[in-house]
Amino acid sequence: MARVEKLERLDLDKNRVHEPVRCTYTIFTQDNKRYIQIDTYGSTSRKHKGEKSQTIQFDQAAAIKLRQLLDQEFGS
């Protein structure tokens, strides 16, 4: 699990497109702060198929930064 507070660009020498997996999201509030949580689930080739494999949480500031990056790279 991870809570994102800052996004930094890193250009890699090697990139590849991964296999599609199931992804869900949850919006919740804790201590008067709102969060979006994104969960991904194991691919069909994994030992434990369909099991939650990664959780990423964004607070409002990180979500706004992510939105700005998405608009910049993919258009509004």
N, C-alpha and C. Protein backbone atom coordinates (compact mmCIF):
# COMPACT_ATOMS: atom_id res chain seq x y z
N MET A 1 0.84 -1.17 0.00
CA MET A 1 0.00 0.00 0.00
C MET A 1 0.89 1.23 0.00
N ALA A 2 0.38 2.29 -0.60
CA ALA A 2 1.14 3.53 -0.66
C ALA A 2 0.21 4.72 -0.72
N ARG A 3 0.61 5.80 -0.05
CA ARG A 3 -0.12 7.07 -0.15
C ARG A 3 0.80 8.05 -0.84
N VAL A 4 0.35 8.56 -1.98
CA VAL A 4 1.15 9.46 -2.80
C VAL A 4 1.01 10.89 -2.28
N GLU A 5 2.13 11.54 -2.04
CA GLU A 5 2.12 12.95 -1.65
C GLU A 5 2.79 13.82 -2.72
N LYS A 6 3.66 13.22 -3.52
CA LYS A 6 4.40 13.97 -4.52
C LYS A 6 4.59 13.11 -5.75
N LEU A 7 4.49 13.70 -6.92
CA LEU A 7 4.73 13.00 -8.17
C LEU A 7 5.97 13.59 -8.82
N GLU A 8 6.91 12.75 -9.20
CA GLU A 8 8.13 13.18 -9.87
C GLU A 8 8.26 12.45 -11.19
N ARG A 9 8.64 13.16 -12.24
CA ARG A 9 8.82 12.54 -13.53
C ARG A 9 10.15 11.78 -13.56
N LEU A 10 10.12 10.59 -14.13
CA LEU A 10 11.32 9.78 -14.33
C LEU A 10 11.23 9.19 -15.72
N ASP A 11 12.15 9.54 -16.59
CA ASP A 11 12.19 8.98 -17.95
C ASP A 11 13.04 7.73 -17.93
N LEU A 12 12.44 6.61 -18.32
CA LEU A 12 13.13 5.32 -18.31
C LEU A 12 13.67 4.99 -19.70
N ASP A 13 14.74 4.21 -19.74
CA ASP A 13 15.31 3.78 -21.01
C ASP A 13 14.45 2.70 -21.66
N LYS A 14 13.87 1.85 -20.84
CA LYS A 14 13.06 0.74 -21.36
C LYS A 14 11.65 0.85 -20.79
N ASN A 15 10.67 0.74 -21.66
CA ASN A 15 9.26 0.74 -21.26
C ASN A 15 8.55 -0.39 -21.98
N ARG A 16 7.49 -0.89 -21.37
CA ARG A 16 6.67 -1.89 -22.03
C ARG A 16 5.24 -1.75 -21.53
N VAL A 17 4.30 -2.15 -22.36
CA VAL A 17 2.89 -2.11 -21.99
C VAL A 17 2.57 -3.39 -21.23
N HIS A 18 1.95 -3.26 -20.08
CA HIS A 18 1.62 -4.41 -19.24
C HIS A 18 0.28 -5.02 -19.63
N GLU A 19 0.05 -6.22 -19.15
CA GLU A 19 -1.22 -6.92 -19.36
C GLU A 19 -2.33 -6.19 -18.61
N PRO A 20 -3.53 -6.07 -19.20
CA PRO A 20 -4.63 -5.41 -18.49
C PRO A 20 -5.05 -6.20 -17.25
N VAL A 21 -5.43 -5.49 -16.22
CA VAL A 21 -5.92 -6.10 -14.98
C VAL A 21 -7.17 -5.35 -14.52
N ARG A 22 -7.88 -5.95 -13.59
CA ARG A 22 -9.04 -5.31 -12.98
C ARG A 22 -8.55 -4.17 -12.08
N CYS A 23 -9.28 -3.07 -12.08
CA CYS A 23 -8.92 -1.92 -11.26
C CYS A 23 -10.21 -1.33 -10.67
N THR A 24 -10.18 -1.01 -9.39
CA THR A 24 -11.32 -0.39 -8.73
C THR A 24 -10.85 0.88 -8.02
N TYR A 25 -11.80 1.74 -7.69
CA TYR A 25 -11.44 2.92 -6.91
C TYR A 25 -12.47 3.16 -5.83
N THR A 26 -12.04 3.81 -4.78
CA THR A 26 -12.87 4.14 -3.63
C THR A 26 -12.58 5.59 -3.26
N ILE A 27 -13.62 6.32 -2.89
CA ILE A 27 -13.47 7.67 -2.37
C ILE A 27 -13.85 7.60 -0.89
N PHE A 28 -12.98 8.14 -0.02
CA PHE A 28 -13.31 8.12 1.40
C PHE A 28 -12.74 9.34 2.10
N THR A 29 -13.28 9.62 3.27
CA THR A 29 -12.83 10.73 4.09
C THR A 29 -12.33 10.20 5.42
N GLN A 30 -11.18 10.71 5.84
CA GLN A 30 -10.63 10.35 7.15
C GLN A 30 -10.00 11.61 7.74
N ASP A 31 -10.29 11.88 9.00
CA ASP A 31 -9.77 13.08 9.67
C ASP A 31 -10.05 14.34 8.85
N ASN A 32 -11.26 14.41 8.30
CA ASN A 32 -11.72 15.55 7.50
C ASN A 32 -10.92 15.78 6.23
N LYS A 33 -10.18 14.77 5.76
CA LYS A 33 -9.46 14.85 4.50
C LYS A 33 -10.04 13.80 3.55
N ARG A 34 -10.20 14.18 2.30
CA ARG A 34 -10.78 13.28 1.30
C ARG A 34 -9.65 12.60 0.51
N TYR A 35 -9.84 11.34 0.21
CA TYR A 35 -8.86 10.54 -0.51
C TYR A 35 -9.53 9.76 -1.63
N ILE A 36 -8.75 9.47 -2.67
CA ILE A 36 -9.15 8.49 -3.67
C ILE A 36 -8.16 7.34 -3.55
N GLN A 37 -8.68 6.13 -3.50
CA GLN A 37 -7.84 4.94 -3.41
C GLN A 37 -8.07 4.10 -4.66
N ILE A 38 -6.98 3.74 -5.32
CA ILE A 38 -7.03 2.91 -6.52
C ILE A 38 -6.40 1.57 -6.20
N ASP A 39 -7.16 0.50 -6.47
CA ASP A 39 -6.69 -0.86 -6.21
C ASP A 39 -6.58 -1.62 -7.53
N THR A 40 -5.48 -2.31 -7.72
CA THR A 40 -5.36 -3.21 -8.87
C THR A 40 -5.32 -4.65 -8.36
N TYR A 41 -5.72 -5.56 -9.24
CA TYR A 41 -5.85 -6.97 -8.87
C TYR A 41 -4.99 -7.83 -9.78
N GLY A 42 -4.56 -8.95 -9.26
CA GLY A 42 -3.64 -9.83 -9.98
C GLY A 42 -4.12 -10.21 -11.36
N SER A 43 -3.18 -10.30 -12.28
CA SER A 43 -3.50 -10.70 -13.66
C SER A 43 -3.84 -12.19 -13.70
N THR A 44 -4.35 -12.61 -14.83
CA THR A 44 -4.74 -14.01 -14.99
C THR A 44 -3.55 -14.95 -14.96
N SER A 45 -2.34 -14.41 -15.15
CA SER A 45 -1.14 -15.26 -15.14
C SER A 45 -0.51 -15.38 -13.75
N ARG A 46 -1.05 -14.67 -12.76
CA ARG A 46 -0.49 -14.72 -11.41
C ARG A 46 -0.94 -15.97 -10.67
N LYS A 47 -0.17 -16.34 -9.67
CA LYS A 47 -0.49 -17.50 -8.85
C LYS A 47 -1.84 -17.32 -8.16
N HIS A 48 -2.07 -16.15 -7.56
CA HIS A 48 -3.33 -15.86 -6.87
C HIS A 48 -4.15 -14.91 -7.74
N LYS A 49 -4.85 -15.47 -8.70
CA LYS A 49 -5.61 -14.69 -9.66
C LYS A 49 -6.71 -13.88 -8.97
N GLY A 50 -6.83 -12.62 -9.37
CA GLY A 50 -7.89 -11.77 -8.87
C GLY A 50 -7.67 -11.20 -7.48
N GLU A 51 -6.58 -11.55 -6.83
CA GLU A 51 -6.28 -11.02 -5.49
C GLU A 51 -5.74 -9.60 -5.62
N LYS A 52 -6.13 -8.73 -4.68
CA LYS A 52 -5.65 -7.35 -4.70
C LYS A 52 -4.13 -7.36 -4.64
N SER A 53 -3.50 -6.64 -5.57
CA SER A 53 -2.04 -6.67 -5.60
C SER A 53 -1.41 -5.33 -5.27
N GLN A 54 -2.13 -4.24 -5.50
CA GLN A 54 -1.54 -2.94 -5.21
C GLN A 54 -2.62 -1.94 -4.86
N THR A 55 -2.35 -1.11 -3.86
CA THR A 55 -3.25 -0.05 -3.44
C THR A 55 -2.47 1.26 -3.42
N ILE A 56 -3.03 2.27 -4.09
CA ILE A 56 -2.41 3.59 -4.12
C ILE A 56 -3.45 4.62 -3.69
N GLN A 57 -3.09 5.47 -2.75
CA GLN A 57 -3.99 6.50 -2.26
C GLN A 57 -3.45 7.88 -2.63
N PHE A 58 -4.38 8.78 -3.02
CA PHE A 58 -4.04 10.16 -3.33
C PHE A 58 -4.88 11.07 -2.44
N ASP A 59 -4.22 12.04 -1.79
CA ASP A 59 -4.98 13.08 -1.11
C ASP A 59 -5.34 14.13 -2.17
N GLN A 60 -6.01 15.20 -1.76
CA GLN A 60 -6.48 16.18 -2.72
C GLN A 60 -5.34 16.82 -3.51
N ALA A 61 -4.28 17.22 -2.84
CA ALA A 61 -3.16 17.88 -3.52
C ALA A 61 -2.52 16.96 -4.56
N ALA A 62 -2.29 15.70 -4.21
CA ALA A 62 -1.68 14.76 -5.15
C ALA A 62 -2.63 14.44 -6.30
N ALA A 63 -3.92 14.36 -6.02
CA ALA A 63 -4.92 14.09 -7.07
C ALA A 63 -4.97 15.26 -8.06
N ILE A 64 -4.88 16.48 -7.56
CA ILE A 64 -4.88 17.65 -8.43
C ILE A 64 -3.64 17.64 -9.32
N LYS A 65 -2.49 17.30 -8.75
CA LYS A 65 -1.25 17.21 -9.54
C LYS A 65 -1.36 16.13 -10.61
N LEU A 66 -1.92 14.97 -10.25
CA LEU A 66 -2.11 13.89 -11.22
C LEU A 66 -3.03 14.36 -12.34
N ARG A 67 -4.10 15.04 -12.00
CA ARG A 67 -5.03 15.55 -13.02
C ARG A 67 -4.32 16.52 -13.96
N GLN A 68 -3.49 17.40 -13.42
CA GLN A 68 -2.73 18.34 -14.25
C GLN A 68 -1.81 17.59 -15.21
N LEU A 69 -1.15 16.56 -14.71
CA LEU A 69 -0.26 15.76 -15.57
C LEU A 69 -1.04 15.05 -16.67
N LEU A 70 -2.20 14.48 -16.32
CA LEU A 70 -3.02 13.80 -17.32
C LEU A 70 -3.52 14.76 -18.38
N ASP A 71 -3.96 15.95 -17.96
CA ASP A 71 -4.40 16.97 -18.94
C ASP A 71 -3.26 17.39 -19.84
N GLN A 72 -2.08 17.56 -19.26
CA GLN A 72 -0.90 17.98 -20.03
C GLN A 72 -0.50 16.92 -21.05
N GLU A 73 -0.50 15.66 -20.66
CA GLU A 73 -0.02 14.59 -21.53
C GLU A 73 -1.07 14.04 -22.51
N PHE A 74 -2.35 14.08 -22.11
CA PHE A 74 -3.40 13.48 -22.94
C PHE A 74 -4.44 14.48 -23.40
N GLY A 75 -4.34 15.73 -22.98
CA GLY A 75 -5.32 16.74 -23.36
C GLY A 75 -6.47 16.78 -22.38
N SER A 76 -7.13 17.94 -22.32
CA SER A 76 -8.23 18.14 -21.38
C SER A 76 -9.47 17.38 -21.78
